[in-house]
Amino acid sequence: MVLPTTSKNQKIIFIIVFIFCLFIQVIPVIRSGLKYDFGIGFWGPNGHDGIWHLSLINHINNPLKIDMPVFSGETLKNYHPLFDILISFLSKITFIDSSIWLFQIFPLISASFFLIFSFLLGHKITKTFSGGLILMFLNTLSNSFGWIVGLFRTGNFGGESLFWAMQSPSNQLNPPYMLSILLILILIYMLKTSHPSKIIIFLILSLLPIIKVYSAVPAFIIFFFYVLKNKTFIRTFILSVFFALLLFFQYNSSSTSLIKFQPFWFVNSMMESSDRLFLPKIANIRYTLEASGKIGPRLIAYYLITFAIFIVGNFALRLLSVKEFFQHKTIFLSIFVCTLIPTLFIQKGTSWNTIQFLYYALFLANIPLSIYLTKHKKIAILIIVLSLAPLISSLPNYLGKIPPAAISIDEVSALNFLKNQAPGTVLTHPYDAYLRKNYQVSPLPIYAYETSSYVAAYGHQLTFLEDEMNLENSGFDWIPRRLASEAFFAQKNQFIDRGFLVNNQIDYIYLPKIYFSKNPQFSPEMYLEPIFENPEIVIFKVKR
């Protein structure tokens, strides 16, 4: 790929900016999943989200019917698995461990192409070298106004998601999202060329719904308006819609039942939640006004003001380019729709999932901002400098020697042993949030950090119940299994307990020894055989 540079100095500047932006993009993930003296470390949300992807990747044998790795006996549903299918395939054909692909190789490759296409698109729409660099910076650094709130409240520059939405520096923390915005960027760039490839457009539009379903909305809006002006692409549009729906419903047959109409949920929770903007006195005004049961001008004014805070807080400096928004109606409509959906709808079970529509609105809003800043170079320099401020708080979270969570050396040994056993179903102890109190220093053991799928991911066995968060997101009825597991580990009746294992086809029990302190009576020799033990973990095999 030849970059449209015109001089040696420009090439040097491009390389410097590229390396800087690449570092900012990959640092949140690239150290996770590697083995250190303390075990396998996980920085940021990788201790849950990254491990979830790894568990899925390691259990994909038939891409059309994927086992749910953390809910044995069931298949994956209401999910967009193409990213995981891709990494699983690449891992198998290259013989490179899936963890390396997930945490190191994919971030480097995707971020590189993302930055290159950001430059190409910025250069094309502004017809300037600086326009390309500015869009690279914006797609790397654009942030909310949360850091200003954090500065006034606590004296630090944190607060990226204070107004709810994830911002540009965290792109790689959600790898399917990263892949989807890369493809949208390529799509927009291609539509700006004189002869865009119909085949590539078809592939992008058909696959986006099973990479990240939210991404299909802006992508199809953008292409639809292109088709209105270029009628030769009508067939491509129709075929793309057909295959996109076909693939989507292959994995999401009942996903529409997960959406719930609840206007201003994000706005209200932003004001009420202690981990968000949290303005309880203002939130109390809403309680008082709604208690009357009437929708009056004061209640309407309340929602208008708080919604404005929500928009300004999330879009932040992107709002400088309002004039450019309206000059590029296709981008504006995409931004509007992707903002409207989370304003009106939430997801059942995990309400905040629909905020991901807003991620795409913020990403697209960088494009008109790059046009505006190309015309106002001094403001561009100021904004880039201001965008560096939030990194003062976020970068130390990923550069520290000790991560917040890890799989210890003893656990790695136990999981490697489990991986080499005959395929079966593993029972793990249900996640206990109170275990955190037993640990005063980092890294926390992964089983105490968060409900996750680490046994399925690193033990390469299906588990009876893990990662309750993703089970809830996908609409699985997981609570009965948790109650049954808790009853088993209480060990009140060995005959009933053995029946539980047999009826649910449990083959192994993977148990951190800390759970023995909660139930010293756990010694069911009658139907379990210890097959592995070290200072931290014991693994039992169920006798048949």
Protein backbone atom coordinates (compact mmCIF):
# COMPACT_ATOMS: atom_id res chain seq x y z
CA MET A 1 0.00 0.00 0.00
CA VAL A 2 1.45 3.33 -1.13
CA LEU A 3 0.77 6.26 1.18
CA PRO A 4 0.01 9.58 -0.52
CA THR A 5 3.01 11.41 0.87
CA THR A 6 4.89 13.96 -1.18
CA SER A 7 8.22 14.36 0.56
CA LYS A 8 10.78 12.60 2.70
CA ASN A 9 9.95 14.82 5.69
CA GLN A 10 6.28 13.89 5.45
CA LYS A 11 7.19 10.20 5.44
CA ILE A 12 9.27 10.67 8.58
CA ILE A 13 6.43 12.57 10.28
CA PHE A 14 3.97 9.85 9.28
CA ILE A 15 6.20 7.12 10.73
CA ILE A 16 6.62 8.99 14.03
CA VAL A 17 2.87 9.63 14.36
CA PHE A 18 2.09 6.05 13.32
CA ILE A 19 4.40 4.53 15.94
CA PHE A 20 3.03 6.80 18.67
CA CYS A 21 -0.60 6.02 17.79
CA LEU A 22 0.14 2.31 17.46
CA PHE A 23 1.62 2.27 20.96
CA ILE A 24 -1.43 4.03 22.43
CA GLN A 25 -3.81 1.65 20.68
CA VAL A 26 -2.16 -1.65 21.62
CA ILE A 27 -0.84 -0.97 25.13
CA PRO A 28 -4.21 -1.76 26.83
CA VAL A 29 -4.03 -5.39 25.63
CA ILE A 30 -0.58 -6.39 24.46
CA ARG A 31 0.85 -7.32 27.88
CA SER A 32 -2.12 -9.45 28.89
CA GLY A 33 -2.12 -13.22 28.42
CA LEU A 34 1.68 -13.51 28.76
CA LYS A 35 3.41 -15.54 31.43
CA TYR A 36 5.32 -13.71 34.18
CA ASP A 37 6.93 -14.70 37.47
CA PHE A 38 3.54 -14.48 39.19
CA GLY A 39 1.64 -16.33 36.44
CA ILE A 40 -0.43 -15.18 33.46
CA GLY A 41 -1.27 -11.49 33.89
CA PHE A 42 -4.35 -9.56 32.82
CA TRP A 43 -4.55 -5.77 32.69
CA GLY A 44 -7.80 -3.79 32.48
CA PRO A 45 -10.96 -5.68 31.50
CA ASN A 46 -8.93 -8.42 29.82
CA GLY A 47 -9.35 -10.42 33.04
CA HIS A 48 -12.94 -10.94 31.99
CA ASP A 49 -13.56 -9.90 28.39
CA GLY A 50 -10.31 -11.20 26.92
CA ILE A 51 -10.67 -14.53 28.73
CA TRP A 52 -14.23 -14.86 27.42
CA HIS A 53 -13.00 -14.54 23.84
CA LEU A 54 -10.22 -17.03 24.54
CA SER A 55 -12.67 -19.59 25.94
CA LEU A 56 -14.83 -19.27 22.84
CA ILE A 57 -11.85 -19.40 20.46
CA ASN A 58 -10.53 -22.58 22.07
CA HIS A 59 -13.86 -24.40 21.71
CA ILE A 60 -14.71 -23.68 18.07
CA ASN A 61 -14.71 -26.92 16.10
CA ASN A 62 -17.78 -26.39 13.93
CA PRO A 63 -18.23 -22.66 13.14
CA LEU A 64 -21.92 -23.18 12.34
CA LYS A 65 -22.68 -24.85 15.67
CA ILE A 66 -20.43 -23.63 18.46
CA ASP A 67 -20.50 -25.20 21.92
CA MET A 68 -21.19 -22.76 24.71
CA PRO A 69 -17.91 -23.27 26.59
CA VAL A 70 -19.25 -22.05 29.95
CA PHE A 71 -22.66 -23.79 29.87
CA SER A 72 -22.08 -27.42 28.95
CA GLY A 73 -24.63 -29.13 26.75
CA GLU A 74 -25.77 -25.90 25.09
CA THR A 75 -24.73 -24.14 21.91
CA LEU A 76 -23.77 -20.50 21.54
CA LYS A 77 -26.69 -18.16 20.89
CA ASN A 78 -27.44 -14.43 20.65
CA TYR A 79 -23.83 -13.62 19.91
CA HIS A 80 -21.66 -12.39 17.04
CA PRO A 81 -18.78 -14.95 16.86
CA LEU A 82 -16.98 -14.23 13.58
CA PHE A 83 -14.02 -12.55 15.26
CA ASP A 84 -13.55 -15.61 17.48
CA ILE A 85 -13.99 -17.95 14.51
CA LEU A 86 -11.30 -16.00 12.65
CA ILE A 87 -8.78 -16.14 15.52
CA SER A 88 -9.48 -19.85 16.07
CA PHE A 89 -8.86 -20.54 12.37
CA LEU A 90 -5.65 -18.49 12.28
CA SER A 91 -4.36 -20.19 15.41
CA LYS A 92 -4.92 -23.64 13.91
CA ILE A 93 -3.34 -22.98 10.52
CA THR A 94 -0.32 -21.14 11.95
CA PHE A 95 0.19 -23.39 15.01
CA ILE A 96 0.53 -20.21 17.08
CA ASP A 97 -1.24 -20.25 20.43
CA SER A 98 -4.66 -18.61 20.36
CA SER A 99 -3.73 -16.42 23.33
CA ILE A 100 -0.85 -14.91 21.34
CA TRP A 101 -3.18 -14.23 18.42
CA LEU A 102 -5.78 -12.64 20.69
CA PHE A 103 -3.62 -10.42 22.89
CA GLN A 104 -0.55 -9.70 20.73
CA ILE A 105 -0.78 -10.44 17.00
CA PHE A 106 -4.35 -9.30 16.27
CA PRO A 107 -3.96 -5.97 18.13
CA LEU A 108 -0.77 -5.15 16.24
CA ILE A 109 -2.19 -6.07 12.82
CA SER A 110 -5.63 -4.50 13.30
CA ALA A 111 -4.26 -1.30 14.85
CA SER A 112 -1.74 -0.93 12.02
CA PHE A 113 -4.37 -1.22 9.29
CA PHE A 114 -6.75 0.96 11.30
CA LEU A 115 -4.20 3.77 11.47
CA ILE A 116 -3.22 3.44 7.82
CA PHE A 117 -6.84 3.61 6.62
CA SER A 118 -7.50 6.48 9.03
CA PHE A 119 -4.69 8.36 7.34
CA LEU A 120 -5.88 7.41 3.83
CA LEU A 121 -9.47 8.47 4.54
CA GLY A 122 -8.42 11.70 6.26
CA HIS A 123 -6.12 12.51 3.34
CA LYS A 124 -8.85 11.78 0.77
CA ILE A 125 -11.65 13.80 2.37
CA THR A 126 -9.47 16.80 3.20
CA LYS A 127 -7.05 16.49 0.28
CA THR A 128 -4.20 17.31 2.67
CA PHE A 129 -1.41 15.39 4.38
CA SER A 130 -2.28 17.04 7.69
CA GLY A 131 -5.90 15.88 7.35
CA GLY A 132 -4.70 12.28 7.28
CA LEU A 133 -2.55 12.76 10.37
CA ILE A 134 -5.38 14.50 12.22
CA LEU A 135 -7.81 11.61 11.63
CA MET A 136 -5.12 9.19 12.83
CA PHE A 137 -4.77 11.21 16.03
CA LEU A 138 -8.53 11.49 16.54
CA ASN A 139 -9.16 7.76 16.02
CA THR A 140 -6.43 7.11 18.59
CA LEU A 141 -6.94 9.84 21.19
CA SER A 142 -10.49 11.27 21.05
CA ASN A 143 -12.02 11.18 24.48
CA SER A 144 -14.97 12.30 26.56
CA PHE A 145 -15.05 15.23 28.97
CA GLY A 146 -14.79 12.75 31.84
CA TRP A 147 -11.16 13.67 32.45
CA ILE A 148 -12.18 17.27 33.23
CA VAL A 149 -14.68 16.03 35.82
CA GLY A 150 -12.01 13.72 37.26
CA LEU A 151 -9.51 16.56 37.45
CA PHE A 152 -11.88 18.75 39.47
CA ARG A 153 -13.10 15.95 41.72
CA THR A 154 -9.99 13.93 42.48
CA GLY A 155 -7.09 15.77 40.88
CA ASN A 156 -6.43 13.06 38.29
CA PHE A 157 -7.26 12.79 34.59
CA GLY A 158 -9.36 9.61 34.72
CA GLY A 159 -13.00 9.25 33.77
CA GLU A 160 -13.11 8.09 30.14
CA SER A 161 -16.46 6.30 30.57
CA LEU A 162 -17.89 8.68 33.18
CA PHE A 163 -20.63 9.58 30.69
CA TRP A 164 -20.99 5.87 29.76
CA ALA A 165 -19.33 5.41 26.36
CA MET A 166 -15.92 3.87 25.70
CA GLN A 167 -13.61 6.18 23.77
CA SER A 168 -10.87 5.90 21.10
CA PRO A 169 -7.90 4.97 23.36
CA SER A 170 -9.77 1.82 24.43
CA ASN A 171 -10.62 0.51 20.95
CA GLN A 172 -8.56 -2.66 21.38
CA LEU A 173 -10.24 -3.63 24.66
CA ASN A 174 -13.17 -4.82 22.56
CA PRO A 175 -11.59 -6.80 19.68
CA PRO A 176 -14.80 -7.45 17.68
CA TYR A 177 -15.52 -3.72 17.88
CA MET A 178 -11.97 -2.99 16.71
CA LEU A 179 -12.39 -5.30 13.72
CA SER A 180 -15.78 -3.79 12.89
CA ILE A 181 -14.61 -0.15 12.87
CA LEU A 182 -11.63 -1.15 10.73
CA LEU A 183 -14.03 -2.64 8.17
CA ILE A 184 -16.33 0.41 8.34
CA LEU A 185 -13.30 2.62 7.77
CA ILE A 186 -12.33 0.55 4.72
CA LEU A 187 -15.93 0.71 3.48
CA ILE A 188 -16.09 4.51 3.75
CA TYR A 189 -12.69 4.87 2.10
CA MET A 190 -13.70 2.60 -0.79
CA LEU A 191 -16.93 4.53 -1.35
CA LYS A 192 -14.80 7.66 -1.76
CA THR A 193 -12.85 6.06 -4.63
CA SER A 194 -13.93 6.06 -8.28
CA HIS A 195 -14.37 2.29 -8.64
CA PRO A 196 -15.17 0.59 -5.30
CA SER A 197 -15.08 -3.21 -5.32
CA LYS A 198 -18.57 -4.70 -5.15
CA ILE A 199 -17.22 -7.99 -3.83
CA ILE A 200 -15.35 -6.37 -0.92
CA ILE A 201 -18.37 -4.19 -0.09
CA PHE A 202 -20.61 -7.27 -0.15
CA LEU A 203 -18.27 -9.18 2.15
CA ILE A 204 -17.94 -6.31 4.63
CA LEU A 205 -21.70 -5.70 4.85
CA SER A 206 -22.58 -9.40 5.02
CA LEU A 207 -20.08 -10.18 7.77
CA LEU A 208 -20.42 -7.11 10.03
CA PRO A 209 -23.59 -8.38 11.79
CA ILE A 210 -21.73 -11.46 13.04
CA ILE A 211 -18.60 -9.51 13.94
CA LYS A 212 -20.42 -6.84 15.98
CA VAL A 213 -24.13 -6.59 15.31
CA TYR A 214 -24.29 -2.91 16.29
CA SER A 215 -21.88 -2.04 13.47
CA ALA A 216 -24.31 -3.14 10.77
CA VAL A 217 -26.59 -0.16 11.46
CA PRO A 218 -24.17 2.65 10.46
CA ALA A 219 -22.59 0.55 7.71
CA PHE A 220 -25.87 -0.13 5.92
CA ILE A 221 -27.03 3.49 6.36
CA ILE A 222 -23.82 4.73 4.74
CA PHE A 223 -24.03 2.28 1.86
CA PHE A 224 -27.77 2.86 1.33
CA PHE A 225 -27.22 6.56 0.66
CA TYR A 226 -24.35 5.71 -1.65
CA VAL A 227 -26.65 3.38 -3.61
CA LEU A 228 -29.23 6.16 -4.03
CA LYS A 229 -26.64 8.04 -6.07
CA ASN A 230 -25.07 4.97 -7.70
CA LYS A 231 -27.87 2.70 -8.92
CA THR A 232 -25.44 0.07 -10.26
CA PHE A 233 -24.87 -1.01 -6.65
CA ILE A 234 -28.53 -1.87 -5.95
CA ARG A 235 -27.96 -5.59 -6.49
CA THR A 236 -24.95 -5.50 -4.15
CA PHE A 237 -27.08 -3.80 -1.50
CA ILE A 238 -29.93 -6.32 -1.78
CA LEU A 239 -27.59 -9.33 -1.71
CA SER A 240 -25.72 -7.85 1.26
CA VAL A 241 -28.95 -7.37 3.23
CA PHE A 242 -30.06 -10.92 2.44
CA PHE A 243 -26.82 -12.61 3.45
CA ALA A 244 -26.35 -10.32 6.47
CA LEU A 245 -29.76 -11.37 7.80
CA LEU A 246 -29.10 -15.02 6.96
CA LEU A 247 -25.83 -15.05 8.88
CA PHE A 248 -27.18 -12.95 11.73
CA PHE A 249 -30.08 -15.28 12.44
CA GLN A 250 -27.80 -18.31 12.22
CA TYR A 251 -26.34 -17.21 15.57
CA ASN A 252 -29.04 -14.85 16.88
CA SER A 253 -32.38 -16.57 16.38
CA SER A 254 -33.99 -14.95 19.42
CA SER A 255 -31.90 -11.82 19.96
CA THR A 256 -34.74 -9.39 19.25
CA SER A 257 -36.40 -10.55 22.47
CA LEU A 258 -33.42 -9.16 24.40
CA ILE A 259 -34.16 -5.53 23.49
CA LYS A 260 -36.33 -3.47 25.86
CA PHE A 261 -37.83 -0.01 25.38
CA GLN A 262 -36.70 2.15 28.30
CA PRO A 263 -36.06 5.77 27.29
CA PHE A 264 -33.25 7.70 28.99
CA TRP A 265 -32.00 4.75 31.03
CA PHE A 266 -28.38 5.70 30.31
CA VAL A 267 -29.04 9.37 31.05
CA ASN A 268 -30.67 8.53 34.38
CA SER A 269 -28.07 5.97 35.44
CA MET A 270 -25.31 8.43 34.50
CA MET A 271 -26.71 10.83 37.09
CA GLU A 272 -27.41 8.16 39.72
CA SER A 273 -24.53 5.68 39.55
CA SER A 274 -21.49 6.29 41.74
CA ASP A 275 -19.18 4.92 39.04
CA ARG A 276 -20.53 7.40 36.45
CA LEU A 277 -21.04 11.17 36.57
CA PHE A 278 -23.07 10.79 39.80
CA LEU A 279 -25.00 13.96 40.59
CA PRO A 280 -27.44 12.66 43.22
CA LYS A 281 -28.94 16.05 44.07
CA ILE A 282 -29.94 16.56 40.44
CA ALA A 283 -31.20 12.97 40.25
CA ASN A 284 -33.43 13.67 43.26
CA ILE A 285 -35.16 16.39 41.26
CA ARG A 286 -36.33 13.73 38.80
CA TYR A 287 -37.61 11.52 41.61
CA THR A 288 -39.65 14.42 42.98
CA LEU A 289 -41.07 15.40 39.59
CA GLU A 290 -41.95 11.84 38.62
CA ALA A 291 -43.61 11.17 41.97
CA SER A 292 -46.45 13.46 40.90
CA GLY A 293 -47.26 11.09 38.04
CA LYS A 294 -47.49 13.98 35.58
CA ILE A 295 -45.31 14.89 32.61
CA GLY A 296 -44.99 18.64 32.95
CA PRO A 297 -42.64 21.30 31.59
CA ARG A 298 -40.24 20.96 34.53
CA LEU A 299 -39.80 17.21 33.96
CA ILE A 300 -39.32 17.81 30.24
CA ALA A 301 -36.74 20.49 31.02
CA TYR A 302 -34.95 18.08 33.37
CA TYR A 303 -34.62 15.46 30.65
CA LEU A 304 -33.52 18.00 28.06
CA ILE A 305 -30.76 19.28 30.35
CA THR A 306 -29.52 15.87 31.48
CA PHE A 307 -29.64 14.52 27.92
CA ALA A 308 -27.58 17.52 26.81
CA ILE A 309 -25.03 16.67 29.53
CA PHE A 310 -24.96 13.09 28.25
CA ILE A 311 -24.34 14.21 24.65
CA VAL A 312 -21.79 16.92 25.44
CA GLY A 313 -19.95 14.69 27.92
CA ASN A 314 -19.59 11.81 25.46
CA PHE A 315 -19.02 13.70 22.19
CA ALA A 316 -16.89 16.36 23.87
CA LEU A 317 -14.65 18.22 21.41
CA ARG A 318 -16.24 16.44 18.46
CA LEU A 319 -19.10 18.93 18.79
CA LEU A 320 -16.83 21.64 17.42
CA SER A 321 -17.60 20.24 13.98
CA VAL A 322 -21.41 20.55 14.15
CA LYS A 323 -21.40 22.50 10.88
CA GLU A 324 -19.46 19.68 9.17
CA PHE A 325 -21.92 17.14 10.62
CA PHE A 326 -24.75 18.70 8.65
CA GLN A 327 -22.65 19.08 5.52
CA HIS A 328 -22.10 15.31 5.47
CA LYS A 329 -25.66 14.10 5.85
CA THR A 330 -24.89 10.38 5.55
CA ILE A 331 -22.42 10.50 8.44
CA PHE A 332 -24.79 12.71 10.42
CA LEU A 333 -27.72 10.32 9.98
CA SER A 334 -25.56 7.37 11.03
CA ILE A 335 -24.44 9.28 14.13
CA PHE A 336 -28.02 10.30 14.90
CA VAL A 337 -29.42 6.75 14.66
CA CYS A 338 -26.55 5.24 16.66
CA THR A 339 -27.18 7.84 19.37
CA LEU A 340 -30.96 7.48 19.32
CA ILE A 341 -31.03 3.70 19.84
CA PRO A 342 -29.29 3.64 23.26
CA THR A 343 -31.27 6.72 24.24
CA LEU A 344 -34.49 4.71 23.86
CA PHE A 345 -33.53 1.04 24.31
CA ILE A 346 -31.60 -1.17 26.70
CA GLN A 347 -30.82 -4.88 26.68
CA LYS A 348 -32.67 -7.24 28.96
CA GLY A 349 -30.38 -8.82 31.53
CA THR A 350 -27.40 -6.56 30.94
CA SER A 351 -28.97 -3.15 30.42
CA TRP A 352 -25.81 -1.32 29.36
CA ASN A 353 -24.98 -3.42 26.28
CA THR A 354 -26.86 -1.13 23.88
CA ILE A 355 -24.48 1.73 24.74
CA GLN A 356 -22.22 0.10 22.15
CA PHE A 357 -24.30 1.74 19.41
CA LEU A 358 -22.97 5.05 20.72
CA TYR A 359 -19.39 3.83 20.25
CA TYR A 360 -19.99 3.91 16.50
CA ALA A 361 -21.51 7.38 16.65
CA LEU A 362 -18.39 8.66 18.43
CA PHE A 363 -16.10 6.89 15.98
CA LEU A 364 -17.90 8.38 12.97
CA ALA A 365 -17.94 11.83 14.58
CA ASN A 366 -14.14 11.89 14.32
CA ILE A 367 -14.48 12.20 10.54
CA PRO A 368 -16.23 15.61 10.39
CA LEU A 369 -14.00 16.79 13.22
CA SER A 370 -10.93 15.98 11.13
CA ILE A 371 -12.36 18.12 8.32
CA TYR A 372 -12.96 21.01 10.71
CA LEU A 373 -9.52 20.79 12.29
CA THR A 374 -7.79 20.67 8.90
CA LYS A 375 -9.23 24.14 8.30
CA HIS A 376 -8.23 25.35 11.78
CA LYS A 377 -4.67 24.16 12.40
CA LYS A 378 -4.12 26.05 15.68
CA ILE A 379 -7.27 24.55 17.18
CA ALA A 380 -6.12 21.14 15.91
CA ILE A 381 -2.84 21.42 17.81
CA LEU A 382 -4.69 22.49 20.96
CA ILE A 383 -7.15 19.59 20.73
CA ILE A 384 -4.42 17.02 20.16
CA VAL A 385 -2.55 18.35 23.22
CA LEU A 386 -5.73 18.28 25.32
CA SER A 387 -6.44 14.72 24.11
CA LEU A 388 -3.14 13.62 25.60
CA ALA A 389 -4.27 14.62 29.11
CA PRO A 390 -6.47 11.55 29.81
CA LEU A 391 -3.51 9.30 28.99
CA ILE A 392 -1.82 10.55 32.16
CA SER A 393 -4.32 8.48 34.15
CA SER A 394 -5.04 5.61 31.75
CA LEU A 395 -1.54 4.59 30.65
CA PRO A 396 -0.25 3.72 34.17
CA ASN A 397 -3.09 1.18 34.41
CA TYR A 398 -1.45 -0.79 31.61
CA LEU A 399 2.22 -0.01 32.18
CA GLY A 400 2.42 -1.15 35.81
CA LYS A 401 4.57 -4.15 36.64
CA ILE A 402 1.80 -5.93 38.53
CA PRO A 403 -1.63 -6.42 36.90
CA PRO A 404 -4.91 -6.37 38.81
CA ALA A 405 -5.54 -10.07 38.10
CA ALA A 406 -3.53 -13.18 37.24
CA ILE A 407 -3.70 -16.92 36.86
CA SER A 408 -1.01 -18.07 39.29
CA ILE A 409 1.81 -20.45 38.39
CA ASP A 410 0.10 -23.22 40.38
CA GLU A 411 -3.15 -22.64 38.54
CA VAL A 412 -1.41 -22.65 35.18
CA SER A 413 0.03 -26.05 36.09
CA ALA A 414 -3.41 -27.33 37.11
CA LEU A 415 -5.07 -26.01 33.96
CA ASN A 416 -2.39 -27.56 31.76
CA PHE A 417 -3.02 -30.88 33.47
CA LEU A 418 -6.78 -30.51 32.90
CA LYS A 419 -6.19 -29.64 29.23
CA ASN A 420 -4.42 -32.97 28.71
CA GLN A 421 -7.25 -35.06 30.16
CA ALA A 422 -9.92 -36.78 28.08
CA PRO A 423 -12.66 -34.36 26.96
CA GLY A 424 -15.38 -33.91 29.54
CA THR A 425 -17.48 -31.48 31.53
CA VAL A 426 -15.88 -29.62 34.43
CA LEU A 427 -17.69 -28.39 37.52
CA THR A 428 -16.21 -25.26 39.07
CA HIS A 429 -17.23 -23.50 42.26
CA PRO A 430 -19.68 -20.64 41.50
CA TYR A 431 -18.01 -17.24 41.59
CA ASP A 432 -17.94 -15.70 45.06
CA ALA A 433 -17.48 -11.91 45.04
CA TYR A 434 -16.62 -11.96 48.75
CA LEU A 435 -13.36 -13.81 48.07
CA ARG A 436 -11.77 -10.46 47.21
CA LYS A 437 -11.67 -9.66 50.93
CA ASN A 438 -9.14 -12.47 51.43
CA TYR A 439 -6.54 -10.73 49.25
CA GLN A 440 -4.88 -7.43 50.10
CA VAL A 441 -2.32 -7.14 47.29
CA SER A 442 -2.35 -7.45 43.52
CA PRO A 443 -2.58 -9.45 41.44
CA LEU A 444 -5.82 -11.02 42.61
CA PRO A 445 -6.28 -14.69 41.75
CA ILE A 446 -8.46 -14.81 38.69
CA TYR A 447 -11.20 -16.77 40.54
CA ALA A 448 -11.50 -13.90 43.05
CA TYR A 449 -11.28 -11.08 40.49
CA GLU A 450 -14.47 -11.47 38.49
CA THR A 451 -16.85 -14.11 37.20
CA SER A 452 -14.98 -15.38 34.15
CA SER A 453 -14.48 -18.34 31.84
CA TYR A 454 -10.83 -18.99 32.66
CA VAL A 455 -11.17 -22.75 33.30
CA ALA A 456 -12.88 -23.25 29.94
CA ALA A 457 -10.33 -20.96 28.27
CA TYR A 458 -7.12 -22.43 29.67
CA GLY A 459 -8.31 -25.92 30.62
CA HIS A 460 -9.78 -26.49 27.13
CA GLN A 461 -12.76 -28.31 28.65
CA LEU A 462 -16.44 -27.39 28.70
CA THR A 463 -17.57 -26.12 32.09
CA PHE A 464 -20.94 -26.66 33.75
CA LEU A 465 -21.21 -23.02 34.82
CA GLU A 466 -18.79 -20.12 34.39
CA ASP A 467 -18.91 -16.45 33.42
CA GLU A 468 -22.41 -15.64 34.59
CA MET A 469 -22.13 -12.18 33.00
CA ASN A 470 -21.93 -13.52 29.45
CA LEU A 471 -24.58 -16.14 30.17
CA GLU A 472 -26.90 -13.32 31.21
CA ASN A 473 -25.99 -11.29 28.12
CA SER A 474 -26.87 -14.20 25.85
CA GLY A 475 -30.17 -15.02 27.55
CA PHE A 476 -29.26 -18.35 29.18
CA ASP A 477 -31.23 -19.47 32.24
CA TRP A 478 -28.12 -19.95 34.39
CA ILE A 479 -29.50 -19.34 37.90
CA PRO A 480 -30.83 -22.92 38.40
CA ARG A 481 -27.37 -24.27 37.62
CA ARG A 482 -25.78 -21.91 40.12
CA LEU A 483 -28.21 -22.96 42.85
CA ALA A 484 -27.60 -26.63 42.06
CA SER A 485 -23.81 -26.10 42.14
CA GLU A 486 -24.03 -24.30 45.48
CA ALA A 487 -26.12 -27.15 46.88
CA PHE A 488 -23.52 -29.67 45.71
CA PHE A 489 -20.60 -27.83 47.29
CA ALA A 490 -22.54 -27.58 50.55
CA GLN A 491 -22.23 -31.41 50.73
CA LYS A 492 -25.34 -32.08 52.76
CA ASN A 493 -26.29 -35.39 51.20
CA GLN A 494 -23.71 -37.45 49.29
CA PHE A 495 -26.33 -39.56 47.53
CA ILE A 496 -28.10 -36.46 46.17
CA ASP A 497 -24.74 -34.90 45.37
CA ARG A 498 -23.64 -37.93 43.36
CA GLY A 499 -26.96 -37.83 41.51
CA PHE A 500 -26.29 -34.21 40.62
CA LEU A 501 -22.93 -35.15 39.06
CA VAL A 502 -24.33 -38.11 37.14
CA ASN A 503 -27.45 -36.34 35.91
CA ASN A 504 -25.42 -33.42 34.60
CA GLN A 505 -22.67 -35.63 33.12
CA ILE A 506 -19.94 -33.99 35.19
CA ASP A 507 -16.54 -35.60 34.60
CA TYR A 508 -14.18 -33.36 36.57
CA ILE A 509 -14.27 -30.94 39.48
CA TYR A 510 -11.76 -28.09 39.43
CA LEU A 511 -11.51 -26.53 42.88
CA PRO A 512 -9.24 -23.80 44.31
CA LYS A 513 -8.34 -24.86 47.83
CA ILE A 514 -9.58 -21.61 49.34
CA TYR A 515 -13.09 -23.03 49.00
CA PHE A 516 -12.16 -25.81 51.44
CA SER A 517 -11.95 -23.16 54.15
CA LYS A 518 -15.59 -22.33 53.45
CA ASN A 519 -16.58 -25.99 53.76
CA PRO A 520 -14.00 -28.11 55.59
CA GLN A 521 -16.35 -31.09 55.27
CA PHE A 522 -15.84 -31.26 51.51
CA SER A 523 -14.34 -34.76 51.17
CA PRO A 524 -16.66 -36.86 48.98
CA GLU A 525 -14.31 -39.85 48.56
CA MET A 526 -17.30 -42.08 47.84
CA TYR A 527 -17.64 -40.85 44.26
CA LEU A 528 -14.63 -38.64 43.53
CA GLU A 529 -11.02 -39.53 42.82
CA PRO A 530 -8.32 -36.85 43.28
CA ILE A 531 -6.21 -36.84 40.10
CA PHE A 532 -4.23 -33.62 40.63
CA GLU A 533 -3.18 -31.52 43.60
CA ASN A 534 -0.77 -28.68 44.24
CA PRO A 535 -0.67 -25.96 46.94
CA GLU A 536 -3.53 -24.01 45.32
CA ILE A 537 -5.72 -26.37 43.27
CA VAL A 538 -7.19 -29.83 43.48
CA ILE A 539 -8.84 -31.63 40.56
CA PHE A 540 -11.20 -34.55 41.08
CA LYS A 541 -12.42 -37.09 38.56
CA VAL A 542 -15.95 -38.37 38.98
CA LYS A 543 -16.09 -42.14 39.49
CA ARG A 544 -18.52 -43.97 37.26
